[in-house]
Amino acid sequence: MTHFVAVQHDVTAEVAAQQAAVDAAARDSLTGLLNRSALAAGLERELARAGRQGTTVAVLFFDLDAFKDVNDTHGHLVGDAYLRHVAACLRRRLRAHDLAARVGGDEFVAVVTDLPDDGGAAVEHVVADLRGSMAEPFTVDGVEHRVSVSVGVALAPADGTTVRELIAHSDTAMYRHKSRRDGPAPSGPAAADA
C-alpha cells in the first residue's frame, strides 16, 4: 500500500445541535427551569443516591398566591415576569446540585439534596431564604411588584420514598399552608410580603 485516502467530516455542530434539542426538551420554555418529566427523572436519581448514602432529600412545592388576579389585573406579560422572577430566585439561592422545576402554570418544585438525617432545621432555613428572596420587589414597566408564595415540604424517606409520594405530600402540605394564611394574599404592585 502506497497511499491512503480519508474523508473527514467535523460533526461538532451536529452534536451541539442534538444536545441543545435534548436540553430544550427537558426545560420549561418560559423560565429555563427543568420541566415536570426532567424533575421526576432527577428526583428519582437523587432518591436512589440518598438511599445509598443515608441522607435526606427535601421536596419543596411552591405556589404563587393570587396569581390569577395578577394575570387578570395586570396582564399575562406581567404574570410571565412573576414566573421568571421566581425561577431566577430558585436558580440564585439553591446550590448547583439541587434541582428546580416549573411543574405547572404557577407551581414550582425545588429538590434540596444531601441533607443530614434530621434535615428539618436546614429545610426551614432554605424555605425562609427562598421566600424572602421571592418577596424582594422587582419592577415591570416602571411598576414595583412583589411575589408571595405558599410552600409545602416533604422529606424523604420520612414522608415517602417515591417521586409520586413526595410530590403529592409536598403539594398537600402547600395547600394546608395556603389555607392557614391570614387575610388576602398580596399580588399586585407594591404588595407586602405575606
Protein backbone atom coordinates (compact mmCIF):
# COMPACT_ATOMS: atom_id res chain seq x y z
CA MET A 1 0.00 0.00 0.00
CA THR A 2 1.46 3.29 -1.06
CA HIS A 3 -1.37 5.74 -0.41
CA PHE A 4 -4.27 6.18 2.00
CA VAL A 5 -7.24 8.42 1.29
CA ALA A 6 -9.59 9.53 4.05
CA VAL A 7 -12.56 11.85 4.21
CA GLN A 8 -13.08 13.70 7.44
CA HIS A 9 -16.27 15.46 8.46
CA ASP A 10 -16.49 17.70 11.52
CA VAL A 11 -19.70 16.79 13.37
CA THR A 12 -19.21 19.24 16.24
CA ALA A 13 -22.11 21.46 15.11
CA GLU A 14 -24.47 18.50 14.67
CA VAL A 15 -23.59 17.09 18.10
CA ALA A 16 -24.10 20.52 19.70
CA ALA A 17 -27.47 20.88 17.95
CA GLN A 18 -28.57 17.43 19.13
CA GLN A 19 -27.52 18.24 22.71
CA ALA A 20 -29.35 21.57 22.56
CA ALA A 21 -32.50 19.75 21.41
CA VAL A 22 -32.19 17.27 24.29
CA ASP A 23 -31.67 20.12 26.77
CA ALA A 24 -34.65 22.05 25.37
CA ALA A 25 -36.90 19.02 25.75
CA ALA A 26 -36.06 18.90 29.47
CA ARG A 27 -36.64 22.61 30.12
CA ASP A 28 -39.61 24.89 30.61
CA SER A 29 -39.54 27.36 27.71
CA LEU A 30 -40.51 30.43 29.77
CA THR A 31 -38.28 30.03 32.83
CA GLY A 32 -35.49 27.74 31.67
CA LEU A 33 -36.03 25.52 34.71
CA LEU A 34 -36.50 21.77 34.45
CA ASN A 35 -39.91 20.60 33.31
CA ARG A 36 -42.05 18.02 35.09
CA SER A 37 -40.59 14.93 33.40
CA ALA A 38 -36.98 16.06 33.84
CA LEU A 39 -37.71 16.80 37.52
CA ALA A 40 -39.14 13.31 38.02
CA ALA A 41 -36.04 11.71 36.48
CA GLY A 42 -33.69 13.88 38.54
CA LEU A 43 -35.57 13.29 41.77
CA GLU A 44 -35.54 9.54 41.11
CA ARG A 45 -31.73 9.66 40.81
CA GLU A 46 -31.39 11.74 43.97
CA LEU A 47 -33.61 9.37 45.96
CA ALA A 48 -31.50 6.41 44.88
CA ARG A 49 -28.30 8.24 45.84
CA ALA A 50 -29.74 9.33 49.19
CA GLY A 51 -30.74 5.73 49.90
CA ARG A 52 -27.16 4.57 49.32
CA GLN A 53 -25.64 7.40 51.38
CA GLY A 54 -28.22 7.54 54.18
CA THR A 55 -29.04 11.22 53.61
CA THR A 56 -32.33 13.09 53.39
CA VAL A 57 -33.90 14.73 50.34
CA ALA A 58 -36.37 17.59 50.69
CA VAL A 59 -39.06 18.36 48.12
CA LEU A 60 -40.37 21.93 48.30
CA PHE A 61 -43.62 22.71 46.44
CA PHE A 62 -44.22 26.43 45.70
CA ASP A 63 -47.46 28.02 44.53
CA LEU A 64 -47.77 31.73 43.78
CA ASP A 65 -50.51 33.35 45.83
CA ALA A 66 -53.34 35.06 43.89
CA PHE A 67 -51.56 34.53 40.57
CA LYS A 68 -54.83 34.51 38.61
CA ASP A 69 -55.51 38.01 39.96
CA VAL A 70 -52.11 39.15 38.69
CA ASN A 71 -52.90 37.92 35.17
CA ASP A 72 -56.44 39.32 35.28
CA THR A 73 -55.40 42.73 36.65
CA HIS A 74 -52.00 43.33 35.05
CA GLY A 75 -51.96 41.00 32.04
CA HIS A 76 -50.04 37.90 31.08
CA LEU A 77 -46.79 39.73 30.35
CA VAL A 78 -46.62 40.81 33.99
CA GLY A 79 -47.65 37.30 35.03
CA ASP A 80 -44.76 35.93 32.98
CA ALA A 81 -42.43 38.36 34.77
CA TYR A 82 -43.62 36.92 38.11
CA LEU A 83 -42.80 33.40 36.92
CA ARG A 84 -39.35 34.42 35.65
CA HIS A 85 -38.68 36.23 38.94
CA VAL A 86 -39.45 33.09 40.96
CA ALA A 87 -37.28 31.00 38.63
CA ALA A 88 -34.39 33.43 38.98
CA CYS A 89 -34.67 33.28 42.78
CA LEU A 90 -34.56 29.49 42.72
CA ARG A 91 -31.51 29.47 40.45
CA ARG A 92 -29.75 32.11 42.53
CA ARG A 93 -30.45 30.70 46.01
CA LEU A 94 -30.26 26.92 45.50
CA ARG A 95 -26.97 25.06 45.29
CA ALA A 96 -25.72 23.92 41.88
CA HIS A 97 -26.56 20.25 42.56
CA ASP A 98 -30.09 20.92 43.84
CA LEU A 99 -32.98 20.76 41.37
CA ALA A 100 -35.54 23.41 40.41
CA ALA A 101 -38.51 22.94 38.10
CA ARG A 102 -41.67 24.63 36.92
CA VAL A 103 -44.30 21.89 37.06
CA GLY A 104 -47.48 23.82 36.26
CA GLY A 105 -48.79 27.28 35.49
CA ASP A 106 -47.66 28.93 38.72
CA GLU A 107 -46.28 25.87 40.52
CA PHE A 108 -42.61 25.23 41.13
CA VAL A 109 -40.71 22.41 42.84
CA ALA A 110 -37.25 22.55 44.38
CA VAL A 111 -35.35 19.44 45.44
CA VAL A 112 -32.74 20.02 48.14
CA THR A 113 -30.28 17.15 48.43
CA ASP A 114 -27.55 15.89 50.76
CA LEU A 115 -29.32 16.83 53.97
CA PRO A 116 -28.44 15.10 57.25
CA ASP A 117 -30.87 12.55 58.70
CA ASP A 118 -32.64 15.28 60.68
CA GLY A 119 -32.89 17.79 57.83
CA GLY A 120 -35.89 19.69 59.19
CA ALA A 121 -33.99 22.70 60.56
CA ALA A 122 -31.91 23.01 57.41
CA VAL A 123 -35.03 22.89 55.24
CA GLU A 124 -36.75 25.58 57.32
CA HIS A 125 -33.76 27.83 56.68
CA VAL A 126 -33.88 27.11 52.92
CA VAL A 127 -37.64 27.81 52.76
CA ALA A 128 -37.27 31.09 54.66
CA ASP A 129 -34.38 32.15 52.44
CA LEU A 130 -36.29 31.35 49.23
CA ARG A 131 -39.49 33.04 50.37
CA GLY A 132 -37.53 36.13 51.39
CA SER A 133 -35.74 36.24 48.04
CA MET A 134 -39.00 35.83 46.11
CA ALA A 135 -40.64 38.62 48.16
CA GLU A 136 -37.98 41.16 47.15
CA PRO A 137 -39.51 43.83 44.92
CA PHE A 138 -38.96 43.80 41.18
CA THR A 139 -40.06 46.27 38.52
CA VAL A 140 -42.08 45.70 35.36
CA ASP A 141 -42.61 48.76 33.12
CA GLY A 142 -41.77 51.10 35.99
CA VAL A 143 -44.22 49.47 38.42
CA GLU A 144 -42.95 47.69 41.54
CA HIS A 145 -44.28 44.20 42.25
CA ARG A 146 -43.78 41.61 44.99
CA VAL A 147 -44.41 37.87 44.88
CA SER A 148 -45.95 35.94 47.75
CA VAL A 149 -45.80 32.14 47.75
CA SER A 150 -47.22 29.25 49.72
CA VAL A 151 -44.78 26.40 50.34
CA GLY A 152 -45.22 22.74 51.23
CA VAL A 153 -42.36 20.44 52.24
CA ALA A 154 -41.87 16.68 52.09
CA LEU A 155 -38.79 14.86 53.39
CA ALA A 156 -37.55 11.54 52.09
CA PRO A 157 -37.64 8.96 53.47
CA ALA A 158 -39.91 10.19 56.32
CA ASP A 159 -42.75 11.41 54.08
CA GLY A 160 -42.28 8.97 51.22
CA THR A 161 -39.72 7.14 49.16
CA THR A 162 -41.04 7.61 45.61
CA VAL A 163 -41.33 10.62 43.34
CA ARG A 164 -45.12 10.35 43.31
CA GLU A 165 -45.41 10.14 47.12
CA LEU A 166 -43.10 13.08 47.74
CA ILE A 167 -44.68 15.37 45.16
CA ALA A 168 -48.16 14.51 46.45
CA HIS A 169 -47.14 15.03 50.10
CA SER A 170 -45.46 18.39 49.41
CA ASP A 171 -48.42 19.53 47.27
CA THR A 172 -50.86 18.66 50.08
CA ALA A 173 -48.65 20.44 52.62
CA MET A 174 -48.57 23.52 50.39
CA TYR A 175 -52.39 23.64 50.24
CA ARG A 176 -52.54 23.30 54.04
CA HIS A 177 -50.11 26.21 54.31
CA LYS A 178 -52.14 28.28 51.86
CA SER A 179 -55.40 27.62 53.75
CA ARG A 180 -53.81 28.78 57.04
CA ARG A 181 -52.62 32.09 55.60
CA ASP A 182 -54.28 35.11 57.20
CA GLY A 183 -56.05 37.67 55.04
CA PRO A 184 -55.97 38.13 51.29
CA ALA A 185 -52.74 37.23 49.54
CA PRO A 186 -50.79 40.19 48.16
CA SER A 187 -50.06 40.05 44.48
CA GLY A 188 -50.19 43.47 42.90
CA PRO A 189 -47.92 46.46 42.70
CA ALA A 190 -46.10 47.20 45.93
CA ALA A 191 -47.92 44.45 47.79
CA ALA A 192 -46.35 43.48 51.09
CA ASP A 193 -44.77 40.09 51.73
CA ALA A 194 -47.16 37.59 53.22
